[in-house]
Protein backbone atom coordinates (compact mmCIF):
# COMPACT_ATOMS: atom_id res chain seq x y z
CA MET A 1 -21.49 75.13 -9.24
CA GLN A 2 -22.83 74.25 -12.38
CA PRO A 3 -25.38 71.39 -12.34
CA LEU A 4 -24.50 68.15 -14.51
CA LYS A 5 -25.73 68.09 -17.92
CA ASN A 6 -29.41 67.02 -18.14
CA GLN A 7 -29.56 67.08 -14.19
CA THR A 8 -31.43 70.13 -13.85
CA PRO A 9 -34.49 69.19 -10.90
CA ALA A 10 -37.33 69.30 -13.88
CA ALA A 11 -35.35 66.50 -15.40
CA LEU A 12 -35.54 64.28 -12.37
CA PRO A 13 -38.46 62.55 -11.06
CA GLU A 14 -40.35 63.69 -8.29
CA TRP A 15 -42.87 61.22 -6.39
CA ASN A 16 -46.57 61.15 -6.48
CA LEU A 17 -47.92 60.71 -2.85
CA ALA A 18 -51.37 60.43 -4.14
CA ASP A 19 -51.44 56.85 -3.91
CA LEU A 20 -51.56 57.74 0.10
CA TYR A 21 -53.43 60.92 0.06
CA GLU A 22 -54.16 63.68 -2.39
CA SER A 23 -52.59 66.41 0.15
CA ALA A 24 -52.66 67.26 3.55
CA ASP A 25 -56.04 68.77 3.52
CA SER A 26 -57.90 65.80 1.20
CA PRO A 27 -61.03 64.79 2.67
CA ALA A 28 -59.53 61.18 2.45
CA LEU A 29 -57.23 62.13 4.93
CA ARG A 30 -59.29 63.76 7.14
CA ALA A 31 -61.83 60.97 7.31
CA ASP A 32 -58.90 58.45 7.90
CA PHE A 33 -57.75 60.58 10.99
CA GLU A 34 -61.42 60.37 12.29
CA ARG A 35 -61.81 56.47 11.52
CA ALA A 36 -58.52 56.04 13.07
CA ALA A 37 -59.40 57.52 16.33
CA ARG A 38 -63.09 56.25 16.40
CA GLU A 39 -61.73 52.73 15.63
CA ALA A 40 -58.60 52.80 17.96
CA SER A 41 -61.25 53.87 20.82
CA ALA A 42 -63.85 51.19 19.94
CA PHE A 43 -60.79 48.67 19.76
CA LYS A 44 -60.16 49.17 23.13
CA THR A 45 -63.70 49.07 24.50
CA ASP A 46 -63.79 45.61 22.93
CA TYR A 47 -60.96 43.95 24.01
CA ARG A 48 -58.83 45.71 26.99
CA GLY A 49 -58.79 43.60 30.01
CA LYS A 50 -60.82 40.53 28.09
CA LEU A 51 -58.01 38.79 26.04
CA ALA A 52 -57.20 36.31 29.18
CA ASP A 53 -60.89 35.11 29.15
CA LEU A 54 -60.87 35.08 25.23
CA ALA A 55 -57.79 32.92 25.07
CA SER A 56 -59.84 30.14 27.70
CA ASP A 57 -62.77 30.28 25.34
CA ALA A 58 -63.55 27.09 23.45
CA GLN A 59 -63.43 29.21 20.35
CA ALA A 60 -60.15 30.99 21.26
CA SER A 61 -58.47 30.86 17.96
CA GLU A 62 -61.43 32.40 16.13
CA LYS A 63 -62.15 35.20 18.57
CA LEU A 64 -58.50 36.04 19.35
CA GLY A 65 -57.82 35.72 15.47
CA GLU A 66 -60.88 38.45 14.90
CA ALA A 67 -58.97 40.74 17.42
CA VAL A 68 -55.45 40.37 15.64
CA ALA A 69 -56.88 40.87 12.36
CA ARG A 70 -58.62 44.16 13.68
CA TYR A 71 -55.48 45.36 15.43
CA GLU A 72 -53.43 44.82 12.31
CA ALA A 73 -56.00 46.83 10.37
CA LEU A 74 -55.29 49.70 12.53
CA GLN A 75 -51.78 49.35 12.41
CA ASP A 76 -52.07 49.63 8.58
CA LEU A 77 -54.42 52.54 8.59
CA LEU A 78 -52.14 54.41 11.40
CA GLY A 79 -48.91 53.33 9.04
CA ARG A 80 -50.43 55.06 6.08
CA ILE A 81 -51.41 58.33 7.64
CA MET A 82 -48.16 58.65 9.27
CA SER A 83 -46.01 57.39 6.10
CA PHE A 84 -47.93 60.29 4.19
CA ALA A 85 -46.75 62.87 6.98
CA SER A 86 -43.37 61.51 7.03
CA LEU A 87 -42.69 61.67 3.13
CA LEU A 88 -44.19 64.62 2.65
CA HIS A 89 -42.34 66.53 5.58
CA ALA A 90 -38.95 64.65 3.93
CA GLY A 91 -39.62 66.53 0.64
CA ASP A 92 -39.02 70.19 2.63
CA VAL A 93 -38.41 69.49 6.47
CA THR A 94 -37.65 73.84 6.34
CA ASP A 95 -41.07 74.12 5.26
CA PRO A 96 -43.18 75.34 8.53
CA ALA A 97 -46.39 74.27 6.81
CA ARG A 98 -45.06 71.06 6.48
CA ALA A 99 -43.40 70.74 9.92
CA LYS A 100 -46.65 71.74 11.62
CA PHE A 101 -48.74 69.32 9.60
CA PHE A 102 -46.25 66.32 10.51
CA SER A 103 -46.16 67.30 14.23
CA ASP A 104 -50.08 67.50 14.20
CA ALA A 105 -50.45 64.42 12.32
CA ARG A 106 -47.82 62.50 14.63
CA ASP A 107 -49.78 63.98 17.92
CA LYS A 108 -53.20 62.41 16.52
CA ILE A 109 -51.35 59.18 15.80
CA VAL A 110 -49.76 59.03 19.09
CA ASP A 111 -53.04 59.47 20.74
CA ALA A 112 -54.68 56.43 18.71
CA SER A 113 -51.82 54.37 19.19
CA THR A 114 -52.01 54.76 22.76
CA GLN A 115 -55.01 53.30 23.16
CA LEU A 116 -53.87 50.11 21.59
CA LEU A 117 -50.82 49.40 23.70
CA PHE A 118 -52.64 47.17 26.22
CA PHE A 119 -53.18 44.52 23.33
CA GLN A 120 -49.67 43.06 22.90
CA LEU A 121 -49.01 43.58 26.87
CA GLU A 122 -52.23 41.71 27.56
CA LEU A 123 -51.35 38.93 24.77
CA ASN A 124 -47.91 38.24 26.68
CA ARG A 125 -49.39 38.24 30.02
CA ILE A 126 -51.95 35.03 28.79
CA ASP A 127 -50.20 31.98 29.88
CA ASP A 128 -47.77 30.35 27.29
CA ALA A 129 -49.69 27.21 27.26
CA VAL A 130 -53.01 28.74 26.70
CA LEU A 131 -51.75 30.78 24.14
CA ASP A 132 -49.99 27.99 22.08
CA ALA A 133 -53.28 25.73 22.16
CA ALA A 134 -55.31 28.73 20.71
CA ALA A 135 -52.48 29.38 18.16
CA CYS A 136 -51.81 25.99 16.63
CA LYS A 137 -55.54 26.14 14.90
CA PRO A 138 -56.69 28.91 12.35
CA PRO A 139 -57.27 31.87 11.87
CA LEU A 140 -54.90 32.64 14.79
CA ALA A 141 -52.36 30.20 13.72
CA HIS A 142 -51.76 32.92 10.68
CA TRP A 143 -50.21 35.30 13.11
CA LEU A 144 -47.97 32.62 15.03
CA PRO A 145 -44.83 34.09 14.03
CA TRP A 146 -45.79 37.38 15.18
CA LEU A 147 -46.90 36.10 18.69
CA GLU A 148 -43.81 34.24 18.86
CA ASP A 149 -41.72 37.40 18.23
CA ILE A 150 -43.63 39.72 20.44
CA ARG A 151 -43.16 37.12 23.24
CA LYS A 152 -39.48 38.03 22.95
CA GLU A 153 -40.20 41.42 24.07
CA LYS A 154 -42.39 40.13 27.33
CA PRO A 155 -39.37 40.21 30.01
CA PHE A 156 -38.72 44.20 29.19
CA GLU A 157 -42.62 45.23 29.46
CA LEU A 158 -43.72 47.12 32.08
CA ASP A 159 -47.11 48.42 33.39
CA ASP A 160 -49.94 49.46 31.42
CA LYS A 161 -49.66 52.89 32.33
CA ILE A 162 -45.65 53.62 32.33
CA GLU A 163 -46.06 52.16 28.69
CA GLU A 164 -48.77 54.60 27.95
CA LEU A 165 -46.61 57.20 29.52
CA PHE A 166 -43.44 56.52 27.55
CA HIS A 167 -45.35 56.31 24.26
CA GLU A 168 -47.30 59.73 24.90
CA LYS A 169 -44.44 61.42 26.09
CA SER A 170 -42.05 60.15 22.81
CA VAL A 171 -43.93 63.21 21.29
CA THR A 172 -42.13 65.70 23.44
CA GLY A 173 -39.03 63.04 23.75
CA ALA A 174 -37.31 61.35 21.18
CA SER A 175 -39.28 62.43 18.44
CA SER A 176 -38.96 66.33 18.85
CA TRP A 177 -35.22 65.89 19.26
CA ASN A 178 -35.12 63.89 15.88
CA ARG A 179 -37.31 66.78 14.29
CA LEU A 180 -34.53 69.45 15.69
CA PHE A 181 -31.98 67.60 14.05
CA ASP A 182 -33.74 67.15 10.82
CA GLU A 183 -34.62 70.84 10.49
CA THR A 184 -31.15 72.23 11.61
CA ILE A 185 -29.06 70.18 9.21
CA ALA A 186 -31.53 71.04 6.23
CA SER A 187 -31.09 74.46 7.09
CA LEU A 188 -27.49 74.93 7.68
CA ARG A 189 -25.66 76.36 4.52
CA PHE A 190 -21.85 75.68 3.61
CA SER A 191 -19.50 78.33 1.67
CA VAL A 192 -17.84 76.86 -1.09
CA GLY A 193 -16.39 79.08 -3.71
CA GLY A 194 -18.61 81.89 -2.65
CA VAL A 195 -21.76 79.57 -3.06
CA GLU A 196 -23.82 78.74 0.00
CA LEU A 197 -24.93 74.91 -0.36
CA ALA A 198 -26.97 72.76 1.74
CA ILE A 199 -25.28 69.52 3.41
CA GLU A 200 -25.83 66.89 0.22
CA PRO A 201 -24.12 69.29 -2.62
CA VAL A 202 -21.09 69.87 -0.37
CA LEU A 203 -20.84 66.36 0.75
CA ASN A 204 -20.87 65.55 -3.07
CA LEU A 205 -18.12 67.96 -3.67
CA MET A 206 -16.07 65.65 -1.31
CA GLN A 207 -15.78 63.40 -4.36
CA ASP A 208 -14.45 66.01 -6.83
CA SER A 209 -11.75 65.13 -9.20
CA ARG A 210 -9.94 68.48 -7.87
CA GLU A 211 -8.48 68.57 -4.48
CA SER A 212 -8.63 71.97 -4.18
CA VAL A 213 -12.45 71.80 -4.31
CA ARG A 214 -12.49 68.78 -1.81
CA ARG A 215 -10.32 70.29 0.53
CA GLU A 216 -12.76 73.63 0.55
CA ALA A 217 -15.70 71.47 0.78
CA ALA A 218 -14.52 69.57 3.94
CA GLU A 219 -13.23 72.77 5.51
CA ALA A 220 -16.47 74.15 4.89
CA ILE A 221 -18.19 71.22 6.49
CA GLY A 222 -16.13 71.43 9.56
CA LYS A 223 -16.39 74.91 10.06
CA THR A 224 -20.25 75.13 9.77
CA LEU A 225 -20.67 72.13 11.96
CA LYS A 226 -18.36 73.48 14.49
CA ALA A 227 -20.46 76.60 14.59
CA ASN A 228 -23.23 74.66 15.32
CA LEU A 229 -21.85 71.62 17.52
CA ARG A 230 -23.48 73.03 20.81
CA VAL A 231 -27.24 72.34 19.26
CA PHE A 232 -25.61 68.88 18.16
CA ALA A 233 -24.06 67.88 21.30
CA LEU A 234 -27.10 68.75 23.33
CA ILE A 235 -29.23 66.48 20.81
CA SER A 236 -26.77 64.07 21.54
CA ASN A 237 -26.66 64.04 25.32
CA THR A 238 -30.61 64.42 25.50
CA LEU A 239 -31.26 61.55 23.23
CA ALA A 240 -28.58 59.20 24.99
CA LYS A 241 -30.06 60.11 28.49
CA ASP A 242 -33.46 59.36 27.16
CA LYS A 243 -32.61 55.78 26.11
CA GLU A 244 -30.54 55.32 29.13
CA ILE A 245 -33.59 55.91 31.44
CA SER A 246 -35.89 53.57 29.10
CA ASP A 247 -33.36 50.91 29.17
CA ARG A 248 -32.85 51.30 32.72
CA TRP A 249 -36.82 50.73 33.43
CA ARG A 250 -37.04 48.01 30.98
CA GLY A 251 -34.43 46.15 32.44
CA PHE A 252 -31.26 46.19 29.66
CA LYS A 253 -27.98 45.90 30.64
CA ASP A 254 -26.01 46.66 27.77
CA VAL A 255 -26.35 50.04 25.75
CA ALA A 256 -27.34 48.24 22.47
CA ASP A 257 -29.42 45.38 23.97
CA ALA A 258 -32.77 46.98 22.82
CA ARG A 259 -31.84 46.99 19.20
CA HIS A 260 -30.46 43.62 19.44
CA LEU A 261 -34.09 42.37 20.57
CA SER A 262 -35.63 44.70 17.64
CA ASN A 263 -33.41 43.08 15.31
CA ARG A 264 -33.95 39.63 16.80
CA VAL A 265 -30.34 38.96 16.95
CA GLU A 266 -28.23 37.92 19.73
CA GLY A 267 -25.54 40.03 21.53
CA GLU A 268 -22.81 37.77 20.96
CA THR A 269 -23.22 37.43 17.02
CA VAL A 270 -23.02 41.22 16.77
CA ALA A 271 -19.97 41.09 18.90
CA ALA A 272 -18.34 38.43 16.83
CA LEU A 273 -18.99 40.68 13.66
CA VAL A 274 -17.27 43.78 15.21
CA ALA A 275 -14.47 41.54 16.24
CA ALA A 276 -13.90 40.32 13.21
CA VAL A 277 -13.98 43.70 11.60
CA GLU A 278 -11.78 45.32 13.94
CA ALA A 279 -9.11 42.27 13.52
CA ALA A 280 -9.40 42.91 9.73
CA HIS A 281 -8.59 46.58 9.43
CA PRO A 282 -4.67 45.89 8.72
CA ARG A 283 -5.68 43.71 5.81
CA LEU A 284 -8.58 45.85 4.47
CA SER A 285 -9.08 49.52 5.17
CA HIS A 286 -5.40 50.03 6.33
CA ARG A 287 -3.65 48.17 3.31
CA TYR A 288 -6.29 49.89 0.67
CA TYR A 289 -5.63 53.44 1.59
CA LYS A 290 -2.04 52.74 1.94
CA LEU A 291 -2.72 51.66 -1.70
CA LYS A 292 -4.75 54.53 -2.73
CA ALA A 293 -2.01 57.19 -1.15
CA LYS A 294 0.34 55.58 -3.66
CA TRP A 295 -1.75 56.19 -6.55
CA PHE A 296 -1.98 60.09 -5.29
CA GLY A 297 1.76 60.03 -4.77
CA LYS A 298 1.61 60.67 -1.18
CA GLU A 299 2.89 59.05 2.19
CA ALA A 300 -0.52 59.62 3.44
CA LEU A 301 -4.05 60.81 2.03
CA ASP A 302 -6.03 63.82 3.78
CA TYR A 303 -9.45 63.02 4.93
CA TRP A 304 -11.29 64.93 2.24
CA ASP A 305 -9.07 62.35 -0.29
CA ARG A 306 -10.49 59.47 1.30
CA ASN A 307 -13.44 59.03 -1.37
CA ALA A 308 -11.84 60.82 -4.19
CA PRO A 309 -11.98 59.42 -7.45
CA LEU A 310 -8.60 58.07 -8.49
CA PRO A 311 -6.16 60.28 -10.50
CA MET A 312 -6.06 58.10 -13.45
CA ALA A 313 -9.81 57.24 -13.26
CA PRO A 314 -11.90 58.29 -16.27
CA ALA A 315 -14.27 61.31 -15.43
CA LYS A 316 -17.89 59.59 -15.32
CA ASN A 317 -21.31 61.19 -14.81
CA PHE A 318 -24.67 59.42 -15.50
CA SER A 319 -27.74 60.98 -16.77
CA TRP A 320 -30.84 59.74 -14.91
CA ASP A 321 -31.81 57.37 -17.70
CA GLU A 322 -28.45 56.00 -17.87
CA ALA A 323 -28.74 55.37 -14.19
CA ARG A 324 -32.35 53.47 -14.75
CA GLU A 325 -30.67 51.76 -17.79
CA VAL A 326 -27.85 49.92 -15.86
CA VAL A 327 -29.45 49.38 -12.65
CA LEU A 328 -32.64 47.52 -14.18
CA ALA A 329 -30.60 45.53 -16.88
CA ALA A 330 -28.46 44.39 -13.76
CA TYR A 331 -31.75 43.28 -12.08
CA GLN A 332 -32.91 41.73 -15.35
CA GLY A 333 -29.65 39.67 -15.64
CA PHE A 334 -30.31 38.26 -12.13
CA THR A 335 -34.28 37.66 -13.11
CA PRO A 336 -36.74 39.09 -15.05
CA ARG A 337 -39.21 39.38 -12.07
CA MET A 338 -36.91 41.65 -10.09
CA ALA A 339 -36.62 44.26 -12.98
CA ARG A 340 -40.48 44.45 -13.23
CA ILE A 341 -40.70 45.06 -9.59
CA ALA A 342 -38.05 47.72 -9.67
CA GLY A 343 -39.36 48.91 -13.02
CA ASP A 344 -42.56 50.11 -10.70
CA PHE A 345 -40.59 52.67 -9.13
CA PHE A 346 -39.60 54.47 -12.24
CA ASP A 347 -43.20 53.97 -14.08
CA LYS A 348 -45.46 54.80 -11.55
CA ARG A 349 -43.27 57.90 -9.49
CA TRP A 350 -42.67 56.14 -6.38
CA ILE A 351 -39.48 57.85 -6.30
CA ASP A 352 -37.99 61.74 -5.48
CA ALA A 353 -34.79 62.02 -7.16
CA PRO A 354 -34.20 65.84 -7.00
CA VAL A 355 -31.78 67.56 -5.05
CA ARG A 356 -33.83 70.70 -3.77
CA PRO A 357 -33.41 73.40 -0.83
CA GLY A 358 -34.60 72.10 2.45
CA LYS A 359 -35.21 68.10 1.15
CA SER A 360 -34.26 65.60 3.77
CA PRO A 361 -30.50 64.55 2.90
CA GLY A 362 -29.37 61.17 2.19
CA ALA A 363 -31.14 58.39 0.68
CA PHE A 364 -33.90 55.81 1.77
CA SER A 365 -36.54 53.59 0.72
CA HIS A 366 -39.63 54.17 3.04
CA PRO A 367 -41.67 50.73 3.03
CA THR A 368 -45.18 52.88 3.89
CA VAL A 369 -48.02 50.04 4.49
CA PRO A 370 -48.60 46.37 3.04
CA SER A 371 -51.85 48.04 1.37
CA ALA A 372 -49.81 50.75 -0.58
CA HIS A 373 -46.08 50.38 -1.69
CA PRO A 374 -42.97 51.99 -0.70
CA TYR A 375 -41.35 55.21 -1.86
CA VAL A 376 -37.40 55.93 -2.48
CA LEU A 377 -35.66 59.15 -1.78
CA LEU A 378 -32.59 60.01 -3.30
CA ASN A 379 -30.31 63.31 -3.74
CA PHE A 380 -29.13 61.99 -7.36
CA GLN A 381 -26.09 64.07 -8.87
CA GLY A 382 -24.91 61.59 -11.41
CA LYS A 383 -21.82 60.13 -9.75
CA PRO A 384 -21.05 56.73 -9.87
CA ARG A 385 -21.81 56.19 -6.22
CA ASP A 386 -25.17 57.91 -6.91
CA VAL A 387 -26.23 54.93 -9.35
CA MET A 388 -25.16 52.43 -6.49
CA THR A 389 -27.30 54.21 -4.24
CA LEU A 390 -30.29 54.21 -6.82
CA ALA A 391 -29.50 50.28 -7.00
CA HIS A 392 -29.16 49.99 -2.90
CA GLU A 393 -32.90 51.69 -2.30
CA LEU A 394 -34.37 49.77 -5.25
CA GLY A 395 -33.16 46.68 -3.41
CA HIS A 396 -34.95 47.79 -0.25
CA GLY A 397 -38.31 48.64 -2.45
CA VAL A 398 -37.89 45.09 -4.25
CA HIS A 399 -37.89 43.74 -0.78
CA GLN A 400 -40.58 45.77 0.76
CA VAL A 401 -42.86 44.75 -2.19
CA LEU A 402 -42.39 41.33 -1.45
CA ALA A 403 -42.54 40.87 2.01
CA ALA A 404 -46.09 43.36 1.62
CA GLY A 405 -47.84 40.05 1.44
CA GLN A 406 -47.10 39.15 5.12
CA GLY A 407 -49.47 41.84 6.35
CA ALA A 408 -48.67 45.00 8.58
CA LEU A 409 -47.67 42.59 11.74
CA MET A 410 -45.11 40.35 9.69
CA ALA A 411 -43.97 42.69 6.71
CA PRO A 412 -41.45 44.87 8.65
CA THR A 413 -37.99 43.05 8.27
CA PRO A 414 -35.28 43.11 11.24
CA LEU A 415 -32.22 44.90 10.44
CA THR A 416 -30.35 41.56 10.57
CA LEU A 417 -31.88 40.75 7.06
CA ALA A 418 -33.27 44.70 6.24
CA GLU A 419 -29.99 45.55 4.31
CA THR A 420 -29.48 42.01 1.95
CA ALA A 421 -31.62 42.83 -0.84
CA SER A 422 -30.13 46.54 -0.65
CA VAL A 423 -26.75 45.44 -1.08
CA PHE A 424 -27.33 42.47 -3.41
CA GLY A 425 -28.68 44.93 -5.39
CA GLU A 426 -25.42 46.89 -5.46
CA MET A 427 -23.49 43.62 -6.01
CA LEU A 428 -25.53 42.85 -9.17
CA THR A 429 -25.12 46.44 -10.17
CA PHE A 430 -21.40 46.58 -9.75
CA ARG A 431 -21.01 43.35 -11.73
CA LYS A 432 -22.82 44.74 -14.52
CA LEU A 433 -20.69 47.98 -14.74
CA LEU A 434 -17.67 46.14 -14.31
CA GLU A 435 -18.46 44.08 -17.47
CA GLY A 436 -18.78 46.78 -19.69
CA ALA A 437 -14.96 48.18 -18.30
CA ALA A 438 -13.27 49.70 -21.46
CA ASP A 439 -10.03 49.41 -20.08
CA LYS A 440 -7.59 48.85 -17.28
CA ASN A 441 -7.99 52.25 -15.83
CA GLU A 442 -11.74 52.30 -15.85
CA ARG A 443 -11.78 48.44 -14.50
CA ARG A 444 -9.31 49.76 -11.71
CA ALA A 445 -11.63 52.68 -11.20
CA MET A 446 -14.61 50.32 -10.88
CA LEU A 447 -12.99 48.04 -8.47
CA ALA A 448 -11.67 50.77 -6.58
CA ALA A 449 -14.90 52.56 -5.97
CA LYS A 450 -16.51 49.25 -5.13
CA VAL A 451 -13.62 48.80 -2.30
CA GLU A 452 -14.44 51.88 -1.14
CA ASP A 453 -18.10 51.32 -0.80
CA MET A 454 -17.73 48.03 0.82
CA LEU A 455 -14.99 49.60 3.59
CA ASN A 456 -17.74 52.35 3.97
CA THR A 457 -20.12 49.77 4.74
CA VAL A 458 -18.35 47.24 6.91
CA VAL A 459 -15.15 49.10 8.56
CA ARG A 460 -16.61 52.48 8.73
CA GLN A 461 -19.92 51.43 10.22
CA ILE A 462 -18.80 49.34 12.74
CA ALA A 463 -16.48 52.19 13.54
CA PHE A 464 -19.64 53.99 13.85
CA TYR A 465 -21.35 51.31 15.98
CA SER A 466 -18.13 51.47 18.40
CA PHE A 467 -18.24 55.32 18.74
CA GLU A 468 -22.03 55.00 19.34
CA ARG A 469 -20.94 52.50 22.19
CA LYS A 470 -18.38 55.03 23.79
CA LEU A 471 -21.06 58.24 23.66
CA HIS A 472 -23.59 55.90 25.14
CA ILE A 473 -21.65 54.12 27.95
CA GLU A 474 -19.65 57.60 28.86
CA ARG A 475 -23.04 59.60 28.88
CA ARG A 476 -24.31 57.13 31.99
CA GLU A 477 -21.73 59.11 34.16
CA GLY A 478 -23.00 62.50 33.18
CA GLU A 479 -23.40 64.81 30.25
CA LEU A 480 -20.61 65.16 27.62
CA THR A 481 -18.99 68.21 26.06
CA SER A 482 -18.92 68.29 22.53
CA GLU A 483 -15.18 68.31 23.08
CA LYS A 484 -15.57 64.61 24.49
CA ILE A 485 -17.83 63.74 21.84
CA CYS A 486 -15.13 64.81 19.29
CA GLU A 487 -12.65 62.87 21.16
CA LEU A 488 -14.58 59.83 21.04
CA TRP A 489 -15.09 60.39 17.34
CA MET A 490 -11.59 60.49 16.56
CA SER A 491 -10.46 57.65 18.62
CA VAL A 492 -12.61 55.14 16.76
CA GLN A 493 -11.84 56.80 13.02
CA ALA A 494 -7.94 56.72 13.65
CA ALA A 495 -8.16 52.91 14.65
CA SER A 496 -10.51 51.92 11.64
CA LEU A 497 -9.06 54.10 8.83
CA GLY A 498 -5.29 53.71 9.72
CA PRO A 499 -1.91 55.46 9.44
CA SER A 500 -2.53 55.92 5.64
CA ILE A 501 -5.58 58.84 6.25
CA ARG A 502 -4.53 61.91 7.86
CA LEU A 503 -7.49 63.23 10.41
CA GLY A 504 -6.76 66.76 10.21
CA PRO A 505 -8.57 69.84 11.89
CA GLY A 506 -12.19 69.97 10.99
CA TYR A 507 -12.98 66.20 10.80
CA GLU A 508 -13.50 65.83 14.57
CA THR A 509 -16.90 67.52 13.82
CA PHE A 510 -18.23 64.92 11.31
CA TRP A 511 -20.09 62.92 13.81
CA ALA A 512 -22.69 65.77 14.18
CA TYR A 513 -24.31 65.42 10.45
CA ILE A 514 -24.77 61.51 10.93
CA PRO A 515 -28.72 60.98 11.40
CA HIS A 516 -28.51 57.23 11.99
CA PHE A 517 -27.15 58.43 15.71
CA VAL A 518 -29.90 60.38 15.99
CA HIS A 519 -33.06 58.71 14.49
CA SER A 520 -31.84 54.89 14.92
CA PRO A 521 -29.22 54.38 18.00
CA PHE A 522 -26.88 51.36 16.95
CA TYR A 523 -28.53 50.92 13.54
CA VAL A 524 -25.60 51.03 12.04
CA TYR A 525 -24.10 47.59 12.02
CA ALA A 526 -27.05 46.38 10.36
CA TYR A 527 -24.75 47.90 7.04
CA ALA A 528 -21.92 45.47 7.91
CA PHE A 529 -23.94 42.79 8.86
CA GLY A 530 -25.93 43.11 5.64
CA ASP A 531 -23.05 43.67 3.40
CA CYS A 532 -21.18 40.42 4.72
CA LEU A 533 -23.97 38.60 4.68
CA VAL A 534 -24.36 39.39 0.98
CA ASN A 535 -20.83 38.80 0.29
CA SER A 536 -21.40 34.89 1.53
CA LEU A 537 -24.98 34.90 -0.53
CA TYR A 538 -23.55 36.28 -3.83
CA GLY A 539 -20.82 33.75 -3.29
CA VAL A 540 -23.42 31.01 -3.23
CA TYR A 541 -25.01 32.63 -6.32
CA GLN A 542 -21.91 32.29 -8.29
CA LYS A 543 -21.38 28.81 -7.30
CA ALA A 544 -25.10 27.77 -8.13
CA HIS A 545 -27.26 29.67 -10.18
CA GLU A 546 -29.73 26.74 -10.38
CA GLY A 547 -32.45 27.39 -7.95
CA PHE A 548 -31.26 30.59 -6.30
CA ALA A 549 -33.56 32.95 -7.49
CA GLU A 550 -36.54 30.78 -5.88
CA ARG A 551 -34.67 30.77 -2.62
CA TYR A 552 -33.63 34.25 -2.61
CA PHE A 553 -37.30 35.70 -3.40
CA ALA A 554 -38.44 33.28 -0.54
CA LEU A 555 -36.28 34.98 1.93
CA LEU A 556 -37.64 38.30 0.76
CA GLU A 557 -41.02 37.29 0.76
CA ALA A 558 -40.86 35.98 4.44
CA GLY A 559 -40.32 39.61 5.76
CA GLY A 560 -40.10 39.38 9.55
CA SER A 561 -42.27 36.17 9.69
CA LYS A 562 -39.14 33.94 10.08
CA PRO A 563 -35.81 34.28 12.04
CA TYR A 564 -32.78 35.18 9.97
CA ASN A 565 -31.04 32.07 11.11
CA GLU A 566 -33.89 29.80 9.59
CA LEU A 567 -34.00 32.01 6.46
CA LEU A 568 -30.12 31.45 5.83
CA ALA A 569 -30.25 27.68 6.11
CA PRO A 570 -31.34 26.95 2.50
CA PHE A 571 -28.25 28.59 1.14
CA GLY A 572 -26.08 26.70 3.68
CA LEU A 573 -24.90 29.89 5.57
CA ASP A 574 -25.02 30.55 9.58
CA ALA A 575 -24.38 34.00 10.82
CA ARG A 576 -24.04 32.47 14.36
CA ASP A 577 -20.73 31.05 13.36
CA PRO A 578 -17.82 33.36 13.97
CA ALA A 579 -16.06 32.04 10.75
CA PHE A 580 -19.16 33.17 8.64
CA TRP A 581 -17.94 36.80 8.89
CA LYS A 582 -14.60 35.97 7.41
CA ILE A 583 -16.28 34.74 4.26
CA GLY A 584 -17.49 38.18 3.59
CA LEU A 585 -14.21 39.97 4.78
CA ASP A 586 -12.24 37.53 2.35
CA MET A 587 -14.37 38.78 -0.63
CA ILE A 588 -13.29 42.43 0.13
CA GLU A 589 -9.52 41.56 0.73
CA GLY A 590 -9.45 39.63 -2.70
CA LEU A 591 -10.42 42.96 -4.73
CA ILE A 592 -7.85 44.56 -3.10
CA ALA A 593 -5.24 41.68 -4.08
CA GLU A 594 -7.07 42.56 -7.18
CA LEU A 595 -5.92 46.00 -7.41
CA GLU A 596 -2.69 45.23 -6.21
CA ALA A 597 -1.88 43.05 -8.72
CA MET A 598 -2.73 45.67 -11.52
CA GLU A 599 0.42 47.42 -10.10
CA GLU A 600 2.24 44.71 -11.29
């Protein structure tokens, strides 16, 4: 496998983590570990068992405000340390020294944060009227959105000692299984053309213009995953059971209720989204893949052809500089402010782009903490989809920079809005690329690529969500064999992709490499939520540019300080209305119709 021209690792940027800490053995990091332990212990001594009395004090707002300010500062400190450990580990999850540092750091942070668990629990035990009276005046009023937010978790909180046990056991529970998954995936090698490849390069080959290469890559993935399926099945079974235990103790009824709570979204809203997407399968995925099969001269596409470039599409690879120019120009076209913020990621080395042995697969934007800045991880290989991934992750980064002003407690954005800026950034970049299409073939290729991205984001992610639901529900009845998990996977994939995609032998194992199932159960519907939401937002933008950017930045700057329905109201949108989802799905259908019209 030859590297792309100008795409050797040396030509791509690697992040500089010194804005967090110089190194794993830096004096500043060592001092912060000590400070975190010391200040967490002092905080517990100063406030545990005393919050109810402080709330009844004549100066309740001042005293509780001081407590919350100290708590927030500690969260920022702990988050800074753990962000550094996580990012360093992501750079090479197979390096034993990094793995040990990450594990040791996590142990220390869990020890410190365990001492802080009482704070939210005691705040939630204060009488509502008493707390409301204190929170209506400064300085506590500043954190009123956070106080209202944590109140939603009150019915599912347990006694202090049980919460401490759950928290401490997470180190040897879910966190350790997450680490096993990461290190296993990163260490696997897939044989293609006599070359042993890691997961990212071989997945990239499934978008190669040559069918023989795509097929060999797909079969290599299936073969290697099948050989390791026992480990992945054990991880999935263990984590699903771990979640079931936690849900049962806390009183969650549905397998996804905990995720809905953390997303601050109603289960009914998610159910409406799922129902709308599943009802749209015939007019979206089934319809598009039938058209794509026709382009390939086939009755049906093999699964390795699903994301293949069109046979009449001009081959296009992007250098890093070209990708940067395209994305920043798209952001600049929306507003210079957005381009300036995104530009910092390039200029200040906040991006790690090369594919390296042992590097965490996929892509992400890590928000770190408000006192620092986000970092973006990519595995850039020059494909058009890599440009869209860059646009996507920079959208997250811009959102995280803007929300940082809310502070450590209110900056984090629920998943209902977490994908808004990322998908919007993709849409801006797509429109910019489409404007420059040289001819009909190039325009068709771009439209098809965008439709496929949308189907992967909406239809595929909802199918993932349905798969997770089946897995977690079935796990409640007993351990699942790897064959059973494969069966559940195939049942949702066949229904979502339709009759024009042949899901041949080997594909049944593809669930095993998807990290969201392991790290963030039921996260995946946020992508579909975000895509449909952005389609609606972009429709508003197309109709009325005046004042849109200001309202859009206000939404991003709010972070997690306001519920999603309140933030969407200025745009005239209501995601709780079942008809809302039709707007986003209609946009996808419109692009498919445009592609069909080009055949006439």
